[in-house]
Amino acid sequence: MESWLLIAFDSTQQALRAEMLLEYADIEIDLYPTPKTITAGCALSIQFPKEELMSVQQIMKQEHVEIRGIYYKDNKDRYICIEE
């Protein structure tokens, strides 16, 4: 089973911008409703394979995309922030 991480955003504009940039970089992503347990200003989040973490972080930093955080889901279905 492939492990996925989730990026949460404070604005829809940033989420859609990140979606475009990650798709352009050929990174497999899915738009996903932001889980209620994550406090964010945007109802959209992006899921991506854990193996792409470094590439995603680099793109977000280089392109100045504002994110709320990057999260993983633990074995108790809790979202844990690994980067803000």
PDB file of N, CA and C in Angstrom:
ATOM      1  N   MET A   1       0.838  -1.188   0.000  1.00  0.00           N
ATOM      2  CA  MET A   1       0.000   0.000   0.000  1.00  0.00           C
ATOM      3  C   MET A   1       0.882   1.250   0.000  1.00  0.00           C
ATOM      4  N   GLU A   2       0.569   2.152  -0.887  1.00  0.00           N
ATOM      5  CA  GLU A   2       1.350   3.380  -1.010  1.00  0.00           C
ATOM      6  C   GLU A   2       0.948   4.363   0.088  1.00  0.00           C
ATOM      7  N   SER A   3       1.934   5.009   0.694  1.00  0.00           N
ATOM      8  CA  SER A   3       1.658   6.012   1.727  1.00  0.00           C
ATOM      9  C   SER A   3       1.529   7.379   1.080  1.00  0.00           C
ATOM     10  N   TRP A   4       0.543   8.140   1.541  1.00  0.00           N
ATOM     11  CA  TRP A   4       0.278   9.469   1.009  1.00  0.00           C
ATOM     12  C   TRP A   4       0.429  10.505   2.099  1.00  0.00           C
ATOM     13  N   LEU A   5       0.846  11.688   1.692  1.00  0.00           N
ATOM     14  CA  LEU A   5       0.894  12.847   2.575  1.00  0.00           C
ATOM     15  C   LEU A   5      -0.131  13.850   2.068  1.00  0.00           C
ATOM     16  N   LEU A   6      -0.417  14.844   2.883  1.00  0.00           N
ATOM     17  CA  LEU A   6      -1.447  15.818   2.547  1.00  0.00           C
ATOM     18  C   LEU A   6      -0.926  17.227   2.806  1.00  0.00           C
ATOM     19  N   ILE A   7      -1.160  18.126   1.861  1.00  0.00           N
ATOM     20  CA  ILE A   7      -0.826  19.541   2.040  1.00  0.00           C
ATOM     21  C   ILE A   7      -2.130  20.290   2.266  1.00  0.00           C
ATOM     22  N   ALA A   8      -2.188  21.078   3.333  1.00  0.00           N
ATOM     23  CA  ALA A   8      -3.343  21.940   3.603  1.00  0.00           C
ATOM     24  C   ALA A   8      -2.947  23.385   3.314  1.00  0.00           C
ATOM     25  N   PHE A   9      -3.918  24.166   2.912  1.00  0.00           N
ATOM     26  CA  PHE A   9      -3.681  25.553   2.493  1.00  0.00           C
ATOM     27  C   PHE A   9      -4.604  26.504   3.242  1.00  0.00           C
ATOM     28  N   ASP A  10      -4.230  27.772   3.257  1.00  0.00           N
ATOM     29  CA  ASP A  10      -5.079  28.801   3.852  1.00  0.00           C
ATOM     30  C   ASP A  10      -5.982  29.469   2.823  1.00  0.00           C
ATOM     31  N   SER A  11      -5.707  29.234   1.533  1.00  0.00           N
ATOM     32  CA  SER A  11      -6.564  29.843   0.513  1.00  0.00           C
ATOM     33  C   SER A  11      -6.711  28.901  -0.676  1.00  0.00           C
ATOM     34  N   THR A  12      -7.864  28.991  -1.314  1.00  0.00           N
ATOM     35  CA  THR A  12      -8.127  28.191  -2.507  1.00  0.00           C
ATOM     36  C   THR A  12      -7.169  28.571  -3.623  1.00  0.00           C
ATOM     37  N   GLN A  13      -6.838  29.842  -3.717  1.00  0.00           N
ATOM     38  CA  GLN A  13      -5.909  30.307  -4.749  1.00  0.00           C
ATOM     39  C   GLN A  13      -4.568  29.579  -4.634  1.00  0.00           C
ATOM     40  N   GLN A  14      -4.046  29.440  -3.418  1.00  0.00           N
ATOM     41  CA  GLN A  14      -2.767  28.751  -3.225  1.00  0.00           C
ATOM     42  C   GLN A  14      -2.898  27.258  -3.532  1.00  0.00           C
ATOM     43  N   ALA A  15      -4.027  26.657  -3.172  1.00  0.00           N
ATOM     44  CA  ALA A  15      -4.247  25.233  -3.453  1.00  0.00           C
ATOM     45  C   ALA A  15      -4.269  24.975  -4.957  1.00  0.00           C
ATOM     46  N   LEU A  16      -4.975  25.809  -5.701  1.00  0.00           N
ATOM     47  CA  LEU A  16      -5.062  25.627  -7.149  1.00  0.00           C
ATOM     48  C   LEU A  16      -3.725  25.914  -7.829  1.00  0.00           C
ATOM     49  N   ARG A  17      -2.992  26.861  -7.312  1.00  0.00           N
ATOM     50  CA  ARG A  17      -1.650  27.154  -7.843  1.00  0.00           C
ATOM     51  C   ARG A  17      -0.720  25.964  -7.609  1.00  0.00           C
ATOM     52  N   ALA A  18      -0.769  25.402  -6.401  1.00  0.00           N
ATOM     53  CA  ALA A  18       0.060  24.233  -6.086  1.00  0.00           C
ATOM     54  C   ALA A  18      -0.328  23.051  -6.968  1.00  0.00           C
ATOM     55  N   GLU A  19      -1.626  22.861  -7.177  1.00  0.00           N
ATOM     56  CA  GLU A  19      -2.087  21.774  -8.049  1.00  0.00           C
ATOM     57  C   GLU A  19      -1.461  21.911  -9.437  1.00  0.00           C
ATOM     58  N   MET A  20      -1.516  23.106 -10.005  1.00  0.00           N
ATOM     59  CA  MET A  20      -0.960  23.346 -11.334  1.00  0.00           C
ATOM     60  C   MET A  20       0.548  23.061 -11.362  1.00  0.00           C
ATOM     61  N   LEU A  21       1.271  23.565 -10.368  1.00  0.00           N
ATOM     62  CA  LEU A  21       2.725  23.392 -10.330  1.00  0.00           C
ATOM     63  C   LEU A  21       3.116  21.923 -10.178  1.00  0.00           C
ATOM     64  N   LEU A  22       2.420  21.196  -9.318  1.00  0.00           N
ATOM     65  CA  LEU A  22       2.756  19.793  -9.083  1.00  0.00           C
ATOM     66  C   LEU A  22       2.397  18.931 -10.287  1.00  0.00           C
ATOM     67  N   GLU A  23       1.273  19.222 -10.929  1.00  0.00           N
ATOM     68  CA  GLU A  23       0.927  18.484 -12.149  1.00  0.00           C
ATOM     69  C   GLU A  23       1.955  18.762 -13.247  1.00  0.00           C
ATOM     70  N   TYR A  24       2.380  20.002 -13.369  1.00  0.00           N
ATOM     71  CA  TYR A  24       3.388  20.371 -14.360  1.00  0.00           C
ATOM     72  C   TYR A  24       4.699  19.623 -14.100  1.00  0.00           C
ATOM     73  N   ALA A  25       5.007  19.373 -12.828  1.00  0.00           N
ATOM     74  CA  ALA A  25       6.228  18.647 -12.453  1.00  0.00           C
ATOM     75  C   ALA A  25       6.044  17.131 -12.549  1.00  0.00           C
ATOM     76  N   ASP A  26       4.882  16.695 -13.028  1.00  0.00           N
ATOM     77  CA  ASP A  26       4.581  15.263 -13.202  1.00  0.00           C
ATOM     78  C   ASP A  26       4.539  14.494 -11.886  1.00  0.00           C
ATOM     79  N   ILE A  27       4.098  15.143 -10.828  1.00  0.00           N
ATOM     80  CA  ILE A  27       3.932  14.482  -9.534  1.00  0.00           C
ATOM     81  C   ILE A  27       2.477  14.033  -9.426  1.00  0.00           C
ATOM     82  N   GLU A  28       2.284  12.777  -9.071  1.00  0.00           N
ATOM     83  CA  GLU A  28       0.931  12.228  -8.934  1.00  0.00           C
ATOM     84  C   GLU A  28       0.255  12.878  -7.724  1.00  0.00           C
ATOM     85  N   ILE A  29      -0.879  13.525  -7.954  1.00  0.00           N
ATOM     86  CA  ILE A  29      -1.597  14.187  -6.864  1.00  0.00           C
ATOM     87  C   ILE A  29      -3.087  13.915  -6.983  1.00  0.00           C
ATOM     88  N   ASP A  30      -3.796  14.142  -5.881  1.00  0.00           N
ATOM     89  CA  ASP A  30      -5.256  14.127  -5.852  1.00  0.00           C
ATOM     90  C   ASP A  30      -5.715  15.311  -5.035  1.00  0.00           C
ATOM     91  N   LEU A  31      -6.717  16.030  -5.550  1.00  0.00           N
ATOM     92  CA  LEU A  31      -7.373  17.045  -4.722  1.00  0.00           C
ATOM     93  C   LEU A  31      -8.262  16.305  -3.743  1.00  0.00           C
ATOM     94  N   TYR A  32      -8.308  16.785  -2.536  1.00  0.00           N
ATOM     95  CA  TYR A  32      -8.954  16.054  -1.455  1.00  0.00           C
ATOM     96  C   TYR A  32      -9.585  17.074  -0.514  1.00  0.00           C
ATOM     97  N   PRO A  33     -10.793  16.820  -0.003  1.00  0.00           N
ATOM     98  CA  PRO A  33     -11.363  17.752   0.984  1.00  0.00           C
ATOM     99  C   PRO A  33     -10.477  17.806   2.232  1.00  0.00           C
ATOM    100  N   THR A  34     -10.226  18.993   2.727  1.00  0.00           N
ATOM    101  CA  THR A  34      -9.408  19.133   3.934  1.00  0.00           C
ATOM    102  C   THR A  34     -10.130  18.473   5.106  1.00  0.00           C
ATOM    103  N   PRO A  35      -9.470  17.537   5.792  1.00  0.00           N
ATOM    104  CA  PRO A  35     -10.111  16.883   6.941  1.00  0.00           C
ATOM    105  C   PRO A  35     -10.505  17.902   8.013  1.00  0.00           C
ATOM    106  N   LYS A  36     -11.606  17.645   8.679  1.00  0.00           N
ATOM    107  CA  LYS A  36     -12.111  18.570   9.699  1.00  0.00           C
ATOM    108  C   LYS A  36     -11.143  18.743  10.862  1.00  0.00           C
ATOM    109  N   THR A  37     -10.293  17.755  11.087  1.00  0.00           N
ATOM    110  CA  THR A  37      -9.345  17.842  12.203  1.00  0.00           C
ATOM    111  C   THR A  37      -8.169  18.770  11.907  1.00  0.00           C
ATOM    112  N   ILE A  38      -8.036  19.188  10.649  1.00  0.00           N
ATOM    113  CA  ILE A  38      -6.975  20.129  10.279  1.00  0.00           C
ATOM    114  C   ILE A  38      -7.608  21.504  10.135  1.00  0.00           C
ATOM    115  N   THR A  39      -7.147  22.449  10.932  1.00  0.00           N
ATOM    116  CA  THR A  39      -7.663  23.809  10.851  1.00  0.00           C
ATOM    117  C   THR A  39      -6.959  24.531   9.715  1.00  0.00           C
ATOM    118  N   ALA A  40      -7.720  24.845   8.686  1.00  0.00           N
ATOM    119  CA  ALA A  40      -7.154  25.539   7.530  1.00  0.00           C
ATOM    120  C   ALA A  40      -8.226  26.438   6.944  1.00  0.00           C
ATOM    121  N   GLY A  41      -7.802  27.453   6.215  1.00  0.00           N
ATOM    122  CA  GLY A  41      -8.737  28.393   5.626  1.00  0.00           C
ATOM    123  C   GLY A  41      -9.294  27.943   4.295  1.00  0.00           C
ATOM    124  N   CYS A  42      -8.882  26.786   3.822  1.00  0.00           N
ATOM    125  CA  CYS A  42      -9.293  26.295   2.510  1.00  0.00           C
ATOM    126  C   CYS A  42      -9.867  24.893   2.643  1.00  0.00           C
ATOM    127  N   ALA A  43     -10.932  24.628   1.916  1.00  0.00           N
ATOM    128  CA  ALA A  43     -11.579  23.315   1.976  1.00  0.00           C
ATOM    129  C   ALA A  43     -10.883  22.282   1.098  1.00  0.00           C
ATOM    130  N   LEU A  44      -9.888  22.713   0.314  1.00  0.00           N
ATOM    131  CA  LEU A  44      -9.163  21.797  -0.564  1.00  0.00           C
ATOM    132  C   LEU A  44      -7.763  21.520  -0.035  1.00  0.00           C
ATOM    133  N   SER A  45      -7.387  20.266  -0.113  1.00  0.00           N
ATOM    134  CA  SER A  45      -6.024  19.850   0.197  1.00  0.00           C
ATOM    135  C   SER A  45      -5.523  19.019  -0.973  1.00  0.00           C
ATOM    136  N   ILE A  46      -4.237  18.771  -0.987  1.00  0.00           N
ATOM    137  CA  ILE A  46      -3.640  17.949  -2.037  1.00  0.00           C
ATOM    138  C   ILE A  46      -2.945  16.765  -1.384  1.00  0.00           C
ATOM    139  N   GLN A  47      -3.265  15.567  -1.883  1.00  0.00           N
ATOM    140  CA  GLN A  47      -2.564  14.362  -1.444  1.00  0.00           C
ATOM    141  C   GLN A  47      -1.498  14.029  -2.477  1.00  0.00           C
ATOM    142  N   PHE A  48      -0.375  13.500  -1.986  1.00  0.00           N
ATOM    143  CA  PHE A  48       0.700  13.090  -2.888  1.00  0.00           C
ATOM    144  C   PHE A  48       1.471  11.948  -2.239  1.00  0.00           C
ATOM    145  N   PRO A  49       2.164  11.123  -3.040  1.00  0.00           N
ATOM    146  CA  PRO A  49       2.926  10.003  -2.488  1.00  0.00           C
ATOM    147  C   PRO A  49       4.066  10.490  -1.588  1.00  0.00           C
ATOM    148  N   LYS A  50       4.253   9.785  -0.505  1.00  0.00           N
ATOM    149  CA  LYS A  50       5.296  10.126   0.469  1.00  0.00           C
ATOM    150  C   LYS A  50       6.672  10.241  -0.190  1.00  0.00           C
ATOM    151  N   GLU A  51       6.915   9.425  -1.192  1.00  0.00           N
ATOM    152  CA  GLU A  51       8.214   9.414  -1.868  1.00  0.00           C
ATOM    153  C   GLU A  51       8.520  10.733  -2.578  1.00  0.00           C
ATOM    154  N   GLU A  52       7.506  11.535  -2.820  1.00  0.00           N
ATOM    155  CA  GLU A  52       7.680  12.807  -3.530  1.00  0.00           C
ATOM    156  C   GLU A  52       7.864  13.993  -2.577  1.00  0.00           C
ATOM    157  N   LEU A  53       7.988  13.735  -1.282  1.00  0.00           N
ATOM    158  CA  LEU A  53       8.038  14.815  -0.292  1.00  0.00           C
ATOM    159  C   LEU A  53       9.105  15.858  -0.614  1.00  0.00           C
ATOM    160  N   MET A  54      10.324  15.436  -0.885  1.00  0.00           N
ATOM    161  CA  MET A  54      11.395  16.408  -1.128  1.00  0.00           C
ATOM    162  C   MET A  54      11.114  17.256  -2.368  1.00  0.00           C
ATOM    163  N   SER A  55      10.606  16.637  -3.420  1.00  0.00           N
ATOM    164  CA  SER A  55      10.269  17.386  -4.639  1.00  0.00           C
ATOM    165  C   SER A  55       9.159  18.389  -4.370  1.00  0.00           C
ATOM    166  N   VAL A  56       8.135  17.966  -3.639  1.00  0.00           N
ATOM    167  CA  VAL A  56       7.013  18.853  -3.321  1.00  0.00           C
ATOM    168  C   VAL A  56       7.499  20.030  -2.475  1.00  0.00           C
ATOM    169  N   GLN A  57       8.300  19.754  -1.453  1.00  0.00           N
ATOM    170  CA  GLN A  57       8.822  20.832  -0.608  1.00  0.00           C
ATOM    171  C   GLN A  57       9.634  21.829  -1.430  1.00  0.00           C
ATOM    172  N   GLN A  58      10.454  21.322  -2.328  1.00  0.00           N
ATOM    173  CA  GLN A  58      11.289  22.188  -3.161  1.00  0.00           C
ATOM    174  C   GLN A  58      10.426  23.082  -4.053  1.00  0.00           C
ATOM    175  N   ILE A  59       9.405  22.511  -4.676  1.00  0.00           N
ATOM    176  CA  ILE A  59       8.526  23.295  -5.551  1.00  0.00           C
ATOM    177  C   ILE A  59       7.780  24.355  -4.749  1.00  0.00           C
ATOM    178  N   MET A  60       7.245  23.984  -3.594  1.00  0.00           N
ATOM    179  CA  MET A  60       6.492  24.941  -2.775  1.00  0.00           C
ATOM    180  C   MET A  60       7.387  26.114  -2.355  1.00  0.00           C
ATOM    181  N   LYS A  61       8.640  25.796  -2.013  1.00  0.00           N
ATOM    182  CA  LYS A  61       9.571  26.846  -1.582  1.00  0.00           C
ATOM    183  C   LYS A  61       9.999  27.727  -2.759  1.00  0.00           C
ATOM    184  N   GLN A  62      10.410  27.105  -3.859  1.00  0.00           N
ATOM    185  CA  GLN A  62      10.885  27.867  -5.020  1.00  0.00           C
ATOM    186  C   GLN A  62       9.803  28.775  -5.592  1.00  0.00           C
ATOM    187  N   GLU A  63       8.569  28.299  -5.576  1.00  0.00           N
ATOM    188  CA  GLU A  63       7.468  29.053  -6.188  1.00  0.00           C
ATOM    189  C   GLU A  63       6.704  29.904  -5.170  1.00  0.00           C
ATOM    190  N   HIS A  64       7.179  29.922  -3.939  1.00  0.00           N
ATOM    191  CA  HIS A  64       6.588  30.748  -2.875  1.00  0.00           C
ATOM    192  C   HIS A  64       5.095  30.461  -2.663  1.00  0.00           C
ATOM    193  N   VAL A  65       4.745  29.169  -2.671  1.00  0.00           N
ATOM    194  CA  VAL A  65       3.362  28.765  -2.408  1.00  0.00           C
ATOM    195  C   VAL A  65       3.174  28.731  -0.891  1.00  0.00           C
ATOM    196  N   GLU A  66       2.158  29.423  -0.415  1.00  0.00           N
ATOM    197  CA  GLU A  66       1.883  29.476   1.022  1.00  0.00           C
ATOM    198  C   GLU A  66       1.040  28.268   1.417  1.00  0.00           C
ATOM    199  N   ILE A  67       1.561  27.484   2.361  1.00  0.00           N
ATOM    200  CA  ILE A  67       0.834  26.301   2.822  1.00  0.00           C
ATOM    201  C   ILE A  67       0.549  26.418   4.312  1.00  0.00           C
ATOM    202  N   ARG A  68      -0.489  25.720   4.756  1.00  0.00           N
ATOM    203  CA  ARG A  68      -0.800  25.626   6.188  1.00  0.00           C
ATOM    204  C   ARG A  68       0.117  24.584   6.826  1.00  0.00           C
ATOM    205  N   GLY A  69       0.339  23.482   6.104  1.00  0.00           N
ATOM    206  CA  GLY A  69       1.216  22.442   6.616  1.00  0.00           C
ATOM    207  C   GLY A  69       1.165  21.195   5.751  1.00  0.00           C
ATOM    208  N   ILE A  70       2.106  20.299   6.010  1.00  0.00           N
ATOM    209  CA  ILE A  70       2.134  18.984   5.378  1.00  0.00           C
ATOM    210  C   ILE A  70       1.892  17.973   6.487  1.00  0.00           C
ATOM    211  N   TYR A  71       0.994  17.028   6.219  1.00  0.00           N
ATOM    212  CA  TYR A  71       0.527  16.098   7.245  1.00  0.00           C
ATOM    213  C   TYR A  71       0.618  14.659   6.759  1.00  0.00           C
ATOM    214  N   TYR A  72       0.746  13.743   7.721  1.00  0.00           N
ATOM    215  CA  TYR A  72       0.567  12.325   7.429  1.00  0.00           C
ATOM    216  C   TYR A  72      -0.492  11.789   8.378  1.00  0.00           C
ATOM    217  N   LYS A  73      -1.113  10.690   7.977  1.00  0.00           N
ATOM    218  CA  LYS A  73      -2.154  10.063   8.791  1.00  0.00           C
ATOM    219  C   LYS A  73      -1.521   8.902   9.549  1.00  0.00           C
ATOM    220  N   ASP A  74      -1.625   8.932  10.882  1.00  0.00           N
ATOM    221  CA  ASP A  74      -1.030   7.852  11.674  1.00  0.00           C
ATOM    222  C   ASP A  74      -1.961   6.642  11.701  1.00  0.00           C
ATOM    223  N   ASN A  75      -1.537   5.589  12.400  1.00  0.00           N
ATOM    224  CA  ASN A  75      -2.313   4.351  12.422  1.00  0.00           C
ATOM    225  C   ASN A  75      -3.608   4.461  13.237  1.00  0.00           C
ATOM    226  N   LYS A  76      -3.836   5.599  13.869  1.00  0.00           N
ATOM    227  CA  LYS A  76      -5.090   5.844  14.597  1.00  0.00           C
ATOM    228  C   LYS A  76      -5.952   6.870  13.857  1.00  0.00           C
ATOM    229  N   ASP A  77      -5.654   7.063  12.571  1.00  0.00           N
ATOM    230  CA  ASP A  77      -6.389   8.003  11.710  1.00  0.00           C
ATOM    231  C   ASP A  77      -6.324   9.446  12.189  1.00  0.00           C
ATOM    232  N   ARG A  78      -5.229   9.812  12.845  1.00  0.00           N
ATOM    233  CA  ARG A  78      -5.004  11.208  13.238  1.00  0.00           C
ATOM    234  C   ARG A  78      -4.026  11.818  12.251  1.00  0.00           C
ATOM    235  N   TYR A  79      -4.241  13.091  11.932  1.00  0.00           N
ATOM    236  CA  TYR A  79      -3.319  13.800  11.041  1.00  0.00           C
ATOM    237  C   TYR A  79      -2.250  14.488  11.873  1.00  0.00           C
ATOM    238  N   ILE A  80      -0.995  14.186  11.566  1.00  0.00           N
ATOM    239  CA  ILE A  80       0.152  14.723  12.285  1.00  0.00           C
ATOM    240  C   ILE A  80       0.908  15.659  11.341  1.00  0.00           C
ATOM    241  N   CYS A  81       1.151  16.881  11.799  1.00  0.00           N
ATOM    242  CA  CYS A  81       1.861  17.870  10.987  1.00  0.00           C
ATOM    243  C   CYS A  81       3.358  17.572  11.005  1.00  0.00           C
ATOM    244  N   ILE A  82       3.953  17.487   9.813  1.00  0.00           N
ATOM    245  CA  ILE A  82       5.402  17.283   9.741  1.00  0.00           C
ATOM    246  C   ILE A  82       6.117  18.543   9.277  1.00  0.00           C
ATOM    247  N   GLU A  83       5.345  19.511   8.760  1.00  0.00           N
ATOM    248  CA  GLU A  83       5.941  20.783   8.339  1.00  0.00           C
ATOM    249  C   GLU A  83       4.863  21.855   8.311  1.00  0.00           C
ATOM    250  N   GLU A  84       5.219  23.027   8.814  1.00  0.00           N
ATOM    251  CA  GLU A  84       4.289  24.166   8.753  1.00  0.00           C
ATOM    252  C   GLU A  84       4.859  25.234   7.860  1.00  0.00           C
TER     253      GLU A  84
END
